[in-house]
Amino acid sequence: MREAIHALKYDRLHGVSTGLGRMLAEAIAQLAGEAPEEMLVVPVPLHASKYAQRGFNQSRSLARAALKFLRKSHPAWRLTLASSTLLRQRATETQAGLNPHERRRNVRGAFAVSDPVRVAAQNVLIIDDILTTGATARAAARALVEAGAASVWVATLARAQRGERFFDTEEEAPLSGALPEAESQAARSSTNGAAMPAF
């Protein structure tokens, strides 16, 4: 899993997004019967400087790939990709070496909603590649809730075990822990995706 995510993010091997997207779709599918059937799908955005450096957003690539599978496996779900809904309005410092409290403070206020009218009363599914402490997911979810989202769910391709490290920064690293206590069966190991309610 680590090698495949690294290949997508850093080696720009976009072909791996198909297989990773299928795995993410399987994690999201575990929300069937629990999550709303109609949701805006919002990839965690990169700051403009990071996007310029990388040239693409891996969370958006994963979301697109996952939606292709979900449209076939769960045709009743109405999942709409809304890539420009969430903005990263400031670059965050590296999360390496920060404790959970410092990580939360680092991403606090980092996200904004581009069009609150589109989000108001909508159910939203946030997509990211790796869940660590959940600080990024929480900050993104908070921005969506403050913009009027009815509910926010989070799905990630991988979730780290406590103390496990894949990369050196939060955007590139699994954090430890989870979002507030609710979690699905998919959120048990670093090789399985995570799908859970955030708010």
N, C-alpha and C. Protein backbone atom coordinates (compact mmCIF):
# COMPACT_ATOMS: atom_id res chain seq x y z
N MET A 1 0.83 -1.20 0.00
CA MET A 1 0.00 0.00 0.00
C MET A 1 0.88 1.26 0.00
N ARG A 2 1.86 1.28 0.91
CA ARG A 2 2.74 2.44 1.02
C ARG A 2 3.42 2.73 -0.31
N GLU A 3 3.91 1.68 -0.96
CA GLU A 3 4.63 1.87 -2.21
C GLU A 3 3.70 2.39 -3.30
N ALA A 4 2.47 1.89 -3.33
CA ALA A 4 1.51 2.32 -4.36
C ALA A 4 1.13 3.79 -4.17
N ILE A 5 0.90 4.19 -2.92
CA ILE A 5 0.57 5.60 -2.66
C ILE A 5 1.75 6.49 -3.01
N HIS A 6 2.95 6.05 -2.65
CA HIS A 6 4.15 6.81 -2.97
C HIS A 6 4.31 6.95 -4.48
N ALA A 7 4.04 5.85 -5.21
CA ALA A 7 4.16 5.88 -6.68
C ALA A 7 3.20 6.90 -7.28
N LEU A 8 2.00 6.99 -6.75
CA LEU A 8 1.03 7.95 -7.25
C LEU A 8 1.45 9.38 -6.92
N LYS A 9 1.79 9.62 -5.66
CA LYS A 9 2.04 10.99 -5.20
C LYS A 9 3.35 11.57 -5.70
N TYR A 10 4.39 10.77 -5.70
CA TYR A 10 5.72 11.31 -5.95
C TYR A 10 6.32 10.89 -7.28
N ASP A 11 5.97 9.69 -7.74
CA ASP A 11 6.50 9.23 -9.02
C ASP A 11 5.53 9.52 -10.17
N ARG A 12 4.36 10.04 -9.81
CA ARG A 12 3.34 10.42 -10.80
C ARG A 12 2.93 9.23 -11.68
N LEU A 13 2.89 8.06 -11.11
CA LEU A 13 2.43 6.88 -11.83
C LEU A 13 0.91 6.81 -11.71
N HIS A 14 0.23 7.60 -12.53
CA HIS A 14 -1.21 7.76 -12.40
C HIS A 14 -1.99 6.46 -12.64
N GLY A 15 -1.36 5.50 -13.31
CA GLY A 15 -2.04 4.24 -13.55
C GLY A 15 -2.43 3.50 -12.28
N VAL A 16 -1.68 3.72 -11.19
CA VAL A 16 -2.00 3.02 -9.95
C VAL A 16 -3.29 3.55 -9.31
N SER A 17 -3.76 4.71 -9.77
CA SER A 17 -4.98 5.27 -9.17
C SER A 17 -6.20 4.39 -9.41
N THR A 18 -6.18 3.59 -10.48
CA THR A 18 -7.32 2.69 -10.74
C THR A 18 -7.44 1.64 -9.65
N GLY A 19 -6.34 0.94 -9.37
CA GLY A 19 -6.37 -0.07 -8.32
C GLY A 19 -6.61 0.52 -6.95
N LEU A 20 -5.98 1.65 -6.67
CA LEU A 20 -6.19 2.31 -5.38
C LEU A 20 -7.61 2.82 -5.27
N GLY A 21 -8.15 3.31 -6.38
CA GLY A 21 -9.54 3.78 -6.38
C GLY A 21 -10.52 2.67 -6.08
N ARG A 22 -10.23 1.47 -6.59
CA ARG A 22 -11.09 0.32 -6.29
C ARG A 22 -11.06 0.01 -4.79
N MET A 23 -9.88 0.07 -4.20
CA MET A 23 -9.76 -0.19 -2.76
C MET A 23 -10.51 0.89 -1.95
N LEU A 24 -10.38 2.13 -2.37
CA LEU A 24 -11.10 3.20 -1.70
C LEU A 24 -12.61 3.01 -1.84
N ALA A 25 -13.05 2.60 -3.03
CA ALA A 25 -14.47 2.34 -3.25
C ALA A 25 -14.98 1.26 -2.31
N GLU A 26 -14.18 0.24 -2.06
CA GLU A 26 -14.57 -0.83 -1.14
C GLU A 26 -14.74 -0.30 0.28
N ALA A 27 -13.87 0.62 0.68
CA ALA A 27 -14.01 1.22 2.01
C ALA A 27 -15.28 2.06 2.09
N ILE A 28 -15.52 2.86 1.05
CA ILE A 28 -16.72 3.70 1.03
C ILE A 28 -17.98 2.84 1.02
N ALA A 29 -17.93 1.73 0.29
CA ALA A 29 -19.10 0.86 0.18
C ALA A 29 -19.56 0.33 1.53
N GLN A 30 -18.67 0.28 2.51
CA GLN A 30 -19.07 -0.18 3.83
C GLN A 30 -20.01 0.80 4.53
N LEU A 31 -20.14 1.99 3.96
CA LEU A 31 -21.08 2.97 4.52
C LEU A 31 -22.49 2.77 3.98
N ALA A 32 -22.67 1.87 3.02
CA ALA A 32 -24.00 1.64 2.43
C ALA A 32 -24.99 1.28 3.52
N GLY A 33 -26.13 1.91 3.49
CA GLY A 33 -27.15 1.68 4.49
C GLY A 33 -27.02 2.57 5.71
N GLU A 34 -25.86 3.21 5.85
CA GLU A 34 -25.63 4.11 6.97
C GLU A 34 -25.50 5.56 6.49
N ALA A 35 -24.73 5.75 5.44
CA ALA A 35 -24.52 7.11 4.90
C ALA A 35 -25.67 7.48 3.98
N PRO A 36 -25.91 8.76 3.79
CA PRO A 36 -26.96 9.20 2.86
C PRO A 36 -26.65 8.72 1.44
N GLU A 37 -27.68 8.52 0.64
CA GLU A 37 -27.48 8.05 -0.73
C GLU A 37 -27.07 9.17 -1.66
N GLU A 38 -27.24 10.42 -1.24
CA GLU A 38 -26.83 11.55 -2.06
C GLU A 38 -25.80 12.36 -1.29
N MET A 39 -24.60 12.47 -1.88
CA MET A 39 -23.52 13.20 -1.21
C MET A 39 -22.66 13.94 -2.23
N LEU A 40 -22.15 15.09 -1.79
CA LEU A 40 -21.08 15.75 -2.53
C LEU A 40 -19.77 15.09 -2.12
N VAL A 41 -18.94 14.76 -3.08
CA VAL A 41 -17.66 14.11 -2.81
C VAL A 41 -16.57 15.17 -2.95
N VAL A 42 -15.90 15.46 -1.84
CA VAL A 42 -14.95 16.57 -1.78
C VAL A 42 -13.55 16.06 -1.43
N PRO A 43 -12.65 16.04 -2.41
CA PRO A 43 -11.27 15.65 -2.10
C PRO A 43 -10.59 16.71 -1.24
N VAL A 44 -9.74 16.29 -0.33
CA VAL A 44 -8.95 17.25 0.46
C VAL A 44 -8.04 18.00 -0.51
N PRO A 45 -8.12 19.33 -0.50
CA PRO A 45 -7.33 20.09 -1.47
C PRO A 45 -5.89 20.29 -1.04
N LEU A 46 -5.04 20.53 -2.02
CA LEU A 46 -3.67 20.95 -1.76
C LEU A 46 -3.62 22.47 -1.79
N HIS A 47 -2.69 23.05 -1.07
CA HIS A 47 -2.47 24.48 -1.22
C HIS A 47 -1.92 24.74 -2.62
N ALA A 48 -2.18 25.92 -3.15
CA ALA A 48 -1.76 26.25 -4.52
C ALA A 48 -0.27 26.01 -4.75
N SER A 49 0.55 26.31 -3.76
CA SER A 49 2.00 26.12 -3.92
C SER A 49 2.35 24.63 -4.03
N LYS A 50 1.68 23.80 -3.23
CA LYS A 50 1.92 22.35 -3.29
C LYS A 50 1.39 21.78 -4.60
N TYR A 51 0.24 22.29 -5.04
CA TYR A 51 -0.33 21.82 -6.31
C TYR A 51 0.60 22.17 -7.48
N ALA A 52 1.15 23.38 -7.45
CA ALA A 52 2.07 23.80 -8.51
C ALA A 52 3.31 22.91 -8.53
N GLN A 53 3.77 22.52 -7.36
CA GLN A 53 4.95 21.67 -7.27
C GLN A 53 4.66 20.26 -7.77
N ARG A 54 3.51 19.70 -7.35
CA ARG A 54 3.19 18.32 -7.67
C ARG A 54 2.52 18.18 -9.03
N GLY A 55 1.70 19.15 -9.39
CA GLY A 55 1.03 19.12 -10.69
C GLY A 55 -0.31 18.42 -10.70
N PHE A 56 -0.71 17.85 -9.61
CA PHE A 56 -2.02 17.19 -9.50
C PHE A 56 -2.32 16.97 -8.03
N ASN A 57 -3.58 16.67 -7.75
CA ASN A 57 -4.02 16.38 -6.38
C ASN A 57 -4.34 14.89 -6.30
N GLN A 58 -3.57 14.14 -5.53
CA GLN A 58 -3.78 12.70 -5.44
C GLN A 58 -5.13 12.34 -4.87
N SER A 59 -5.67 13.15 -3.97
CA SER A 59 -6.99 12.86 -3.40
C SER A 59 -8.08 12.98 -4.47
N ARG A 60 -7.93 13.95 -5.34
CA ARG A 60 -8.89 14.10 -6.45
C ARG A 60 -8.80 12.91 -7.40
N SER A 61 -7.58 12.46 -7.71
CA SER A 61 -7.41 11.30 -8.58
C SER A 61 -8.05 10.06 -7.97
N LEU A 62 -7.85 9.87 -6.67
CA LEU A 62 -8.45 8.72 -5.98
C LEU A 62 -9.97 8.81 -5.96
N ALA A 63 -10.49 10.01 -5.73
CA ALA A 63 -11.94 10.20 -5.70
C ALA A 63 -12.56 9.86 -7.05
N ARG A 64 -11.95 10.35 -8.11
CA ARG A 64 -12.48 10.06 -9.45
C ARG A 64 -12.51 8.56 -9.72
N ALA A 65 -11.40 7.89 -9.40
CA ALA A 65 -11.31 6.45 -9.64
C ALA A 65 -12.33 5.69 -8.80
N ALA A 66 -12.47 6.07 -7.53
CA ALA A 66 -13.43 5.39 -6.65
C ALA A 66 -14.86 5.57 -7.14
N LEU A 67 -15.19 6.77 -7.61
CA LEU A 67 -16.55 7.02 -8.08
C LEU A 67 -16.91 6.17 -9.29
N LYS A 68 -15.94 5.89 -10.14
CA LYS A 68 -16.21 5.02 -11.30
C LYS A 68 -16.67 3.65 -10.83
N PHE A 69 -16.01 3.11 -9.82
CA PHE A 69 -16.39 1.80 -9.30
C PHE A 69 -17.73 1.86 -8.56
N LEU A 70 -17.92 2.90 -7.77
CA LEU A 70 -19.14 3.01 -6.97
C LEU A 70 -20.38 3.21 -7.84
N ARG A 71 -20.24 3.87 -8.97
CA ARG A 71 -21.39 4.06 -9.86
C ARG A 71 -21.87 2.73 -10.41
N LYS A 72 -20.97 1.75 -10.52
CA LYS A 72 -21.35 0.43 -10.99
C LYS A 72 -21.85 -0.44 -9.84
N SER A 73 -21.14 -0.40 -8.71
CA SER A 73 -21.47 -1.30 -7.60
C SER A 73 -22.65 -0.80 -6.75
N HIS A 74 -22.86 0.52 -6.72
CA HIS A 74 -23.94 1.11 -5.92
C HIS A 74 -24.67 2.18 -6.73
N PRO A 75 -25.38 1.77 -7.78
CA PRO A 75 -26.00 2.75 -8.68
C PRO A 75 -27.05 3.63 -8.00
N ALA A 76 -27.57 3.21 -6.86
CA ALA A 76 -28.57 4.02 -6.16
C ALA A 76 -27.94 5.26 -5.51
N TRP A 77 -26.65 5.18 -5.22
CA TRP A 77 -25.97 6.34 -4.62
C TRP A 77 -25.83 7.44 -5.66
N ARG A 78 -26.09 8.65 -5.26
CA ARG A 78 -25.90 9.82 -6.12
C ARG A 78 -24.72 10.60 -5.53
N LEU A 79 -23.56 10.27 -6.02
CA LEU A 79 -22.31 10.86 -5.53
C LEU A 79 -21.78 11.82 -6.59
N THR A 80 -21.66 13.08 -6.23
CA THR A 80 -21.24 14.12 -7.17
C THR A 80 -19.87 14.66 -6.76
N LEU A 81 -18.90 14.53 -7.65
CA LEU A 81 -17.57 15.05 -7.37
C LEU A 81 -17.61 16.57 -7.36
N ALA A 82 -17.15 17.16 -6.27
CA ALA A 82 -17.16 18.63 -6.09
C ALA A 82 -15.75 19.06 -5.70
N SER A 83 -14.83 18.97 -6.65
CA SER A 83 -13.40 19.17 -6.37
C SER A 83 -13.04 20.58 -5.94
N SER A 84 -13.80 21.58 -6.39
CA SER A 84 -13.44 22.96 -6.06
C SER A 84 -14.21 23.52 -4.87
N THR A 85 -14.96 22.67 -4.18
CA THR A 85 -15.78 23.13 -3.06
C THR A 85 -14.95 23.55 -1.86
N LEU A 86 -13.90 22.80 -1.58
CA LEU A 86 -13.06 23.06 -0.41
C LEU A 86 -11.72 23.62 -0.88
N LEU A 87 -11.27 24.68 -0.23
CA LEU A 87 -10.00 25.32 -0.56
C LEU A 87 -9.05 25.24 0.61
N ARG A 88 -7.78 25.02 0.32
CA ARG A 88 -6.77 25.14 1.37
C ARG A 88 -6.24 26.56 1.28
N GLN A 89 -6.68 27.41 2.20
CA GLN A 89 -6.40 28.84 2.08
C GLN A 89 -5.04 29.26 2.59
N ARG A 90 -4.36 28.37 3.26
CA ARG A 90 -2.99 28.68 3.65
C ARG A 90 -2.17 27.40 3.67
N ALA A 91 -0.90 27.56 3.37
CA ALA A 91 0.00 26.41 3.43
C ALA A 91 0.25 26.08 4.89
N THR A 92 0.24 24.81 5.21
CA THR A 92 0.50 24.40 6.59
C THR A 92 1.94 23.93 6.72
N GLU A 93 2.47 24.03 7.93
CA GLU A 93 3.82 23.55 8.19
C GLU A 93 3.83 22.03 8.18
N THR A 94 5.02 21.48 8.04
CA THR A 94 5.13 20.03 8.11
C THR A 94 4.63 19.54 9.48
N GLN A 95 3.97 18.39 9.47
CA GLN A 95 3.43 17.83 10.70
C GLN A 95 4.44 16.90 11.39
N ALA A 96 5.54 16.63 10.73
CA ALA A 96 6.53 15.71 11.30
C ALA A 96 6.99 16.22 12.65
N GLY A 97 6.99 15.33 13.63
CA GLY A 97 7.47 15.67 14.96
C GLY A 97 6.46 16.38 15.84
N LEU A 98 5.28 16.68 15.31
CA LEU A 98 4.27 17.37 16.11
C LEU A 98 3.40 16.36 16.83
N ASN A 99 2.99 16.69 18.06
CA ASN A 99 2.06 15.81 18.77
C ASN A 99 0.65 16.09 18.25
N PRO A 100 -0.34 15.28 18.62
CA PRO A 100 -1.69 15.47 18.09
C PRO A 100 -2.25 16.88 18.31
N HIS A 101 -2.01 17.46 19.48
CA HIS A 101 -2.51 18.82 19.74
C HIS A 101 -1.86 19.82 18.79
N GLU A 102 -0.56 19.71 18.58
CA GLU A 102 0.14 20.62 17.68
C GLU A 102 -0.31 20.43 16.24
N ARG A 103 -0.60 19.20 15.86
CA ARG A 103 -1.09 18.94 14.50
C ARG A 103 -2.45 19.60 14.29
N ARG A 104 -3.32 19.49 15.28
CA ARG A 104 -4.63 20.13 15.16
C ARG A 104 -4.49 21.64 15.03
N ARG A 105 -3.61 22.21 15.85
CA ARG A 105 -3.41 23.66 15.79
C ARG A 105 -2.83 24.08 14.44
N ASN A 106 -1.96 23.26 13.89
CA ASN A 106 -1.31 23.56 12.62
C ASN A 106 -2.31 23.67 11.46
N VAL A 107 -3.36 22.85 11.46
CA VAL A 107 -4.32 22.88 10.35
C VAL A 107 -5.59 23.66 10.68
N ARG A 108 -5.68 24.17 11.91
CA ARG A 108 -6.88 24.93 12.29
C ARG A 108 -7.01 26.15 11.37
N GLY A 109 -8.18 26.30 10.77
CA GLY A 109 -8.43 27.43 9.89
C GLY A 109 -7.76 27.35 8.54
N ALA A 110 -7.19 26.18 8.20
CA ALA A 110 -6.48 26.06 6.92
C ALA A 110 -7.43 25.92 5.74
N PHE A 111 -8.69 25.53 6.01
CA PHE A 111 -9.63 25.25 4.93
C PHE A 111 -10.78 26.26 4.91
N ALA A 112 -11.30 26.49 3.71
CA ALA A 112 -12.46 27.35 3.53
C ALA A 112 -13.33 26.74 2.43
N VAL A 113 -14.61 27.08 2.44
CA VAL A 113 -15.54 26.60 1.43
C VAL A 113 -15.71 27.69 0.38
N SER A 114 -15.54 27.32 -0.89
CA SER A 114 -15.59 28.30 -1.97
C SER A 114 -16.99 28.81 -2.23
N ASP A 115 -17.99 27.94 -2.06
CA ASP A 115 -19.38 28.31 -2.36
C ASP A 115 -20.30 27.72 -1.28
N PRO A 116 -20.49 28.44 -0.18
CA PRO A 116 -21.32 27.92 0.91
C PRO A 116 -22.74 27.56 0.48
N VAL A 117 -23.27 28.23 -0.52
CA VAL A 117 -24.63 27.93 -0.99
C VAL A 117 -24.70 26.50 -1.51
N ARG A 118 -23.65 26.05 -2.18
CA ARG A 118 -23.65 24.69 -2.72
C ARG A 118 -23.58 23.64 -1.62
N VAL A 119 -22.94 23.99 -0.51
CA VAL A 119 -22.75 23.05 0.59
C VAL A 119 -23.94 23.03 1.55
N ALA A 120 -24.65 24.13 1.65
CA ALA A 120 -25.74 24.27 2.63
C ALA A 120 -26.73 23.12 2.52
N ALA A 121 -26.97 22.46 3.65
CA ALA A 121 -27.93 21.35 3.79
C ALA A 121 -27.55 20.11 2.99
N GLN A 122 -26.32 20.06 2.49
CA GLN A 122 -25.86 18.89 1.74
C GLN A 122 -25.09 17.93 2.64
N ASN A 123 -25.12 16.67 2.27
CA ASN A 123 -24.28 15.66 2.91
C ASN A 123 -22.99 15.58 2.11
N VAL A 124 -21.87 15.56 2.80
CA VAL A 124 -20.57 15.65 2.14
C VAL A 124 -19.69 14.47 2.54
N LEU A 125 -18.99 13.93 1.56
CA LEU A 125 -18.02 12.87 1.78
C LEU A 125 -16.64 13.42 1.44
N ILE A 126 -15.78 13.56 2.45
CA ILE A 126 -14.40 14.01 2.24
C ILE A 126 -13.55 12.81 1.85
N ILE A 127 -12.70 13.00 0.84
CA ILE A 127 -11.78 11.95 0.40
C ILE A 127 -10.35 12.40 0.63
N ASP A 128 -9.55 11.53 1.25
CA ASP A 128 -8.12 11.79 1.40
C ASP A 128 -7.38 10.47 1.21
N ASP A 129 -6.07 10.55 1.06
CA ASP A 129 -5.33 9.31 0.82
C ASP A 129 -5.04 8.56 2.11
N ILE A 130 -4.58 9.25 3.16
CA ILE A 130 -4.19 8.58 4.39
C ILE A 130 -4.76 9.30 5.60
N LEU A 131 -5.31 8.55 6.54
CA LEU A 131 -5.78 9.10 7.81
C LEU A 131 -4.73 8.82 8.87
N THR A 132 -4.32 9.86 9.56
CA THR A 132 -3.36 9.68 10.64
C THR A 132 -4.07 10.09 11.93
N THR A 133 -3.76 11.22 12.52
CA THR A 133 -4.49 11.63 13.72
C THR A 133 -5.89 12.11 13.38
N GLY A 134 -6.14 12.38 12.12
CA GLY A 134 -7.44 12.91 11.72
C GLY A 134 -7.50 14.43 11.80
N ALA A 135 -6.36 15.07 12.09
CA ALA A 135 -6.36 16.53 12.24
C ALA A 135 -6.79 17.22 10.94
N THR A 136 -6.27 16.77 9.82
CA THR A 136 -6.63 17.38 8.54
C THR A 136 -8.09 17.14 8.23
N ALA A 137 -8.55 15.91 8.41
CA ALA A 137 -9.95 15.59 8.13
C ALA A 137 -10.88 16.40 9.03
N ARG A 138 -10.53 16.53 10.30
CA ARG A 138 -11.35 17.31 11.23
C ARG A 138 -11.44 18.77 10.81
N ALA A 139 -10.29 19.35 10.43
CA ALA A 139 -10.27 20.76 10.04
C ALA A 139 -11.10 20.97 8.77
N ALA A 140 -10.98 20.06 7.82
CA ALA A 140 -11.77 20.17 6.59
C ALA A 140 -13.25 20.01 6.89
N ALA A 141 -13.60 19.03 7.72
CA ALA A 141 -15.00 18.80 8.08
C ALA A 141 -15.58 20.01 8.80
N ARG A 142 -14.81 20.60 9.69
CA ARG A 142 -15.28 21.77 10.44
C ARG A 142 -15.65 22.91 9.49
N ALA A 143 -14.82 23.15 8.47
CA ALA A 143 -15.11 24.21 7.50
C ALA A 143 -16.41 23.93 6.76
N LEU A 144 -16.64 22.67 6.42
CA LEU A 144 -17.86 22.31 5.71
C LEU A 144 -19.09 22.45 6.59
N VAL A 145 -18.99 22.03 7.84
CA VAL A 145 -20.10 22.16 8.77
C VAL A 145 -20.43 23.63 9.02
N GLU A 146 -19.39 24.45 9.19
CA GLU A 146 -19.61 25.88 9.42
C GLU A 146 -20.24 26.55 8.20
N ALA A 147 -20.06 25.96 7.02
CA ALA A 147 -20.68 26.48 5.80
C ALA A 147 -22.10 25.96 5.62
N GLY A 148 -22.55 25.09 6.54
CA GLY A 148 -23.93 24.65 6.50
C GLY A 148 -24.17 23.23 6.06
N ALA A 149 -23.12 22.41 5.90
CA ALA A 149 -23.32 21.01 5.51
C ALA A 149 -24.17 20.28 6.53
N ALA A 150 -25.08 19.44 6.04
CA ALA A 150 -25.96 18.69 6.93
C ALA A 150 -25.20 17.61 7.67
N SER A 151 -24.28 16.95 6.99
CA SER A 151 -23.43 15.93 7.61
C SER A 151 -22.14 15.84 6.81
N VAL A 152 -21.10 15.38 7.47
CA VAL A 152 -19.81 15.21 6.81
C VAL A 152 -19.28 13.83 7.17
N TRP A 153 -18.87 13.10 6.15
CA TRP A 153 -18.29 11.78 6.29
C TRP A 153 -16.87 11.83 5.74
N VAL A 154 -16.04 10.92 6.15
CA VAL A 154 -14.64 10.89 5.70
C VAL A 154 -14.30 9.48 5.23
N ALA A 155 -13.65 9.40 4.07
CA ALA A 155 -13.16 8.11 3.59
C ALA A 155 -11.72 8.30 3.14
N THR A 156 -10.86 7.39 3.55
CA THR A 156 -9.45 7.44 3.15
C THR A 156 -9.03 6.08 2.62
N LEU A 157 -7.99 6.12 1.81
CA LEU A 157 -7.46 4.89 1.24
C LEU A 157 -6.78 4.04 2.29
N ALA A 158 -6.04 4.68 3.18
CA ALA A 158 -5.29 3.94 4.20
C ALA A 158 -5.42 4.65 5.53
N ARG A 159 -5.27 3.86 6.58
CA ARG A 159 -5.30 4.40 7.93
C ARG A 159 -4.16 3.78 8.71
N ALA A 160 -3.35 4.62 9.31
CA ALA A 160 -2.17 4.13 10.01
C ALA A 160 -2.50 3.58 11.37
N GLN A 161 -1.76 2.59 11.76
CA GLN A 161 -1.81 2.10 13.13
C GLN A 161 -1.06 3.10 14.00
N ARG A 162 -1.33 3.12 15.28
CA ARG A 162 -0.59 4.01 16.17
C ARG A 162 0.90 3.75 16.07
N GLY A 163 1.65 4.85 15.96
CA GLY A 163 3.09 4.73 15.95
C GLY A 163 3.69 4.36 14.61
N GLU A 164 2.86 4.05 13.62
CA GLU A 164 3.39 3.65 12.32
C GLU A 164 3.65 4.89 11.47
N ARG A 165 4.75 4.88 10.70
CA ARG A 165 5.08 6.03 9.86
C ARG A 165 5.30 5.55 8.44
N PHE A 166 4.64 6.23 7.49
CA PHE A 166 4.86 5.93 6.07
C PHE A 166 5.76 6.99 5.45
N PHE A 167 5.52 8.26 5.79
CA PHE A 167 6.21 9.37 5.15
C PHE A 167 6.64 10.35 6.22
N ASP A 168 7.11 11.53 5.82
CA ASP A 168 7.68 12.47 6.76
C ASP A 168 6.83 13.68 7.09
N THR A 169 5.75 13.94 6.39
CA THR A 169 4.88 15.06 6.70
C THR A 169 3.46 14.58 6.80
N GLU A 170 2.57 15.39 7.36
CA GLU A 170 1.20 14.92 7.50
C GLU A 170 0.57 14.63 6.16
N GLU A 171 0.77 15.51 5.20
CA GLU A 171 0.15 15.27 3.90
C GLU A 171 0.74 14.01 3.29
N GLU A 172 1.94 13.66 3.70
CA GLU A 172 2.59 12.51 3.14
C GLU A 172 2.67 11.38 4.16
N ALA A 173 2.12 11.58 5.36
CA ALA A 173 2.33 10.60 6.41
C ALA A 173 1.03 10.17 7.06
N PRO A 174 0.97 8.92 7.48
CA PRO A 174 -0.16 8.50 8.27
C PRO A 174 0.00 9.09 9.66
N LEU A 175 -1.07 9.54 10.21
CA LEU A 175 -1.02 10.03 11.58
C LEU A 175 -1.46 8.89 12.48
N SER A 176 -1.49 9.09 13.77
CA SER A 176 -1.95 8.05 14.68
C SER A 176 -3.31 8.44 15.20
N GLY A 177 -4.17 7.48 15.43
CA GLY A 177 -5.46 7.78 16.01
C GLY A 177 -6.55 7.84 14.98
N ALA A 178 -7.62 8.57 15.30
CA ALA A 178 -8.78 8.59 14.42
C ALA A 178 -9.60 9.82 14.67
N LEU A 179 -10.65 9.94 13.90
CA LEU A 179 -11.65 10.97 14.14
C LEU A 179 -12.43 10.57 15.38
N PRO A 180 -13.33 11.43 15.86
CA PRO A 180 -14.10 11.06 17.03
C PRO A 180 -14.64 9.64 16.93
N GLU A 181 -14.71 8.96 17.99
CA GLU A 181 -14.75 7.53 18.18
C GLU A 181 -15.43 6.66 17.13
N ALA A 182 -16.42 7.14 16.39
CA ALA A 182 -17.10 6.26 15.45
C ALA A 182 -16.16 5.82 14.34
N GLU A 183 -16.20 4.56 14.00
CA GLU A 183 -15.44 4.09 12.86
C GLU A 183 -16.08 2.83 12.30
N SER A 184 -15.86 2.58 11.02
CA SER A 184 -16.45 1.41 10.38
C SER A 184 -15.46 0.25 10.43
N GLN A 185 -15.92 -0.90 9.96
CA GLN A 185 -15.06 -2.07 9.90
C GLN A 185 -13.87 -1.83 8.98
N ALA A 186 -14.01 -0.90 8.04
CA ALA A 186 -12.93 -0.65 7.09
C ALA A 186 -11.76 0.06 7.74
N ALA A 187 -11.96 0.60 8.92
CA ALA A 187 -10.94 1.46 9.52
C ALA A 187 -10.12 0.73 10.57
N ARG A 188 -9.66 -0.46 10.26
CA ARG A 188 -8.96 -1.24 11.27
C ARG A 188 -7.47 -1.35 11.08
N SER A 189 -6.95 -1.16 9.90
CA SER A 189 -5.51 -1.29 9.74
C SER A 189 -5.00 -0.35 8.68
N SER A 190 -3.69 -0.20 8.63
CA SER A 190 -3.09 0.73 7.69
C SER A 190 -3.26 0.27 6.25
N THR A 191 -3.58 -1.00 6.02
CA THR A 191 -3.74 -1.47 4.66
C THR A 191 -5.19 -1.44 4.20
N ASN A 192 -6.09 -1.08 5.08
CA ASN A 192 -7.50 -0.95 4.70
C ASN A 192 -7.87 0.51 4.74
N GLY A 193 -8.82 0.87 3.93
CA GLY A 193 -9.31 2.24 3.96
C GLY A 193 -10.09 2.50 5.22
N ALA A 194 -10.39 3.75 5.42
CA ALA A 194 -11.21 4.17 6.55
C ALA A 194 -12.42 4.91 6.03
N ALA A 195 -13.57 4.63 6.56
CA ALA A 195 -14.78 5.35 6.17
C ALA A 195 -15.61 5.53 7.42
N MET A 196 -15.95 6.78 7.75
CA MET A 196 -16.62 7.05 9.01
C MET A 196 -17.29 8.41 8.99
N PRO A 197 -18.26 8.61 9.88
CA PRO A 197 -18.85 9.93 10.00
C PRO A 197 -17.89 10.87 10.71
N ALA A 198 -17.84 12.11 10.27
CA ALA A 198 -17.03 13.12 10.95
C ALA A 198 -17.91 14.02 11.78
N PHE A 199 -19.00 14.50 11.20
CA PHE A 199 -19.99 15.33 11.92
C PHE A 199 -21.35 14.96 11.42
